[in-house]
Structure formats: C-alpha cells, structure tokens
Amino acid sequence: MNRQDYISDEQVVKRANAAVRIELEKKKAMDIPVAVFDRKTQTIYQVNSDGSRVAVGSRIRRGRYSERVAKKA
C-alpha cells in the first residue's frame, strides 16, 4: 500500500467514535448495562438502558504505572 492509500488520523478518530456510539446504542436497545468511568470522581458506574447510574467501584491506585514503579526503585 502506498502512503496515499492510508486514511488520515482525523478519519480514524471519527470512525472510532462512531463505532463506540453505535455499540452504546446497540447495548441500550438490547437492555444491557454499560460500565462508564467518571474521570472527575474516579468512580466506575453501571449505566442502565433507562438512564439510571449505579456506582459499582472506585479507582484503587493513583498515578501512572511508571510513576509508581519509579518511586520504589
């Protein structure tokens, strides 16, 4: 494949976002709950098809893996 045959980064991002949106709509139509991570509160929620949110867990560790390993060494 030539370099001209590749799709741009913007197209890749647009297609990935569309795929996620379609999958979420499919799960909502099939009445399957979805797990969502809230970055502000660091909490994991289960979102049901009716829109209700139930907290199912929270983030255990803080920081990146490389930062945690560097502190021990």
Protein backbone atom coordinates (compact mmCIF):
# COMPACT_ATOMS: atom_id res chain seq x y z
CA MET A 1 0.00 0.00 0.00
CA ASN A 2 1.18 3.45 -0.83
CA ARG A 3 1.17 6.27 1.67
CA GLN A 4 -1.61 7.87 -0.36
CA ASP A 5 -3.89 4.88 0.32
CA TYR A 6 -3.90 5.45 4.10
CA ILE A 7 -6.70 7.30 5.83
CA SER A 8 -5.92 10.40 7.89
CA ASP A 9 -5.76 10.48 11.68
CA GLU A 10 -8.92 12.57 11.80
CA GLN A 11 -10.79 9.90 9.85
CA VAL A 12 -9.52 7.19 12.20
CA VAL A 13 -10.74 9.14 15.24
CA LYS A 14 -14.10 9.86 13.60
CA ARG A 15 -14.59 6.17 12.75
CA ALA A 16 -13.58 5.04 16.25
CA ASN A 17 -16.02 7.49 17.86
CA ALA A 18 -18.79 6.32 15.53
CA ALA A 19 -18.08 2.68 16.38
CA VAL A 20 -18.31 3.38 20.11
CA ARG A 21 -21.50 5.39 19.68
CA ILE A 22 -23.11 2.59 17.64
CA GLU A 23 -22.08 -0.04 20.21
CA LEU A 24 -23.56 2.03 23.07
CA GLU A 25 -26.82 2.47 21.15
CA LYS A 26 -26.92 -1.27 20.45
CA LYS A 27 -26.44 -2.14 24.13
CA LYS A 28 -29.13 0.37 25.10
CA ALA A 29 -31.57 -1.19 22.62
CA MET A 30 -30.76 -4.69 23.91
CA ASP A 31 -31.26 -3.51 27.54
CA ILE A 32 -27.66 -4.36 28.52
CA PRO A 33 -25.96 -2.18 31.16
CA VAL A 34 -22.75 -0.34 30.25
CA ALA A 35 -19.75 0.36 32.52
CA VAL A 36 -18.62 4.01 32.48
CA PHE A 37 -15.62 5.58 34.23
CA ASP A 38 -16.00 9.14 35.53
CA ARG A 39 -12.61 10.86 35.43
CA LYS A 40 -13.51 13.64 37.86
CA THR A 41 -14.74 11.43 40.70
CA GLN A 42 -12.58 8.41 39.76
CA THR A 43 -15.68 6.21 40.10
CA ILE A 44 -16.94 3.36 37.92
CA TYR A 45 -20.67 3.45 37.19
CA GLN A 46 -23.09 0.96 35.69
CA VAL A 47 -25.43 2.85 33.37
CA ASN A 48 -28.68 1.06 32.65
CA SER A 49 -30.77 1.48 29.50
CA ASP A 50 -33.28 3.67 31.37
CA GLY A 51 -30.50 6.15 32.22
CA SER A 52 -30.04 5.28 35.88
CA ARG A 53 -26.46 5.19 37.19
CA VAL A 54 -25.25 2.87 39.94
CA ALA A 55 -21.77 3.24 41.44
CA VAL A 56 -20.04 -0.14 41.34
CA GLY A 57 -16.46 0.73 42.30
CA SER A 58 -13.71 3.26 42.51
CA ARG A 59 -10.16 3.61 41.35
CA ILE A 60 -7.71 1.87 43.67
CA ARG A 61 -4.36 3.30 42.62
CA ARG A 62 -3.39 6.84 41.76
CA GLY A 63 -0.92 7.93 39.11
CA ARG A 64 0.66 6.15 36.19
CA TYR A 65 2.33 2.78 36.48
CA SER A 66 5.72 4.19 35.53
CA GLU A 67 5.44 6.82 38.28
CA ARG A 68 4.57 4.22 40.92
CA VAL A 69 7.47 1.97 39.91
CA ALA A 70 9.95 4.87 39.87
CA LYS A 71 9.15 5.74 43.49
CA LYS A 72 10.01 2.22 44.71
CA ALA A 73 13.28 1.98 42.79
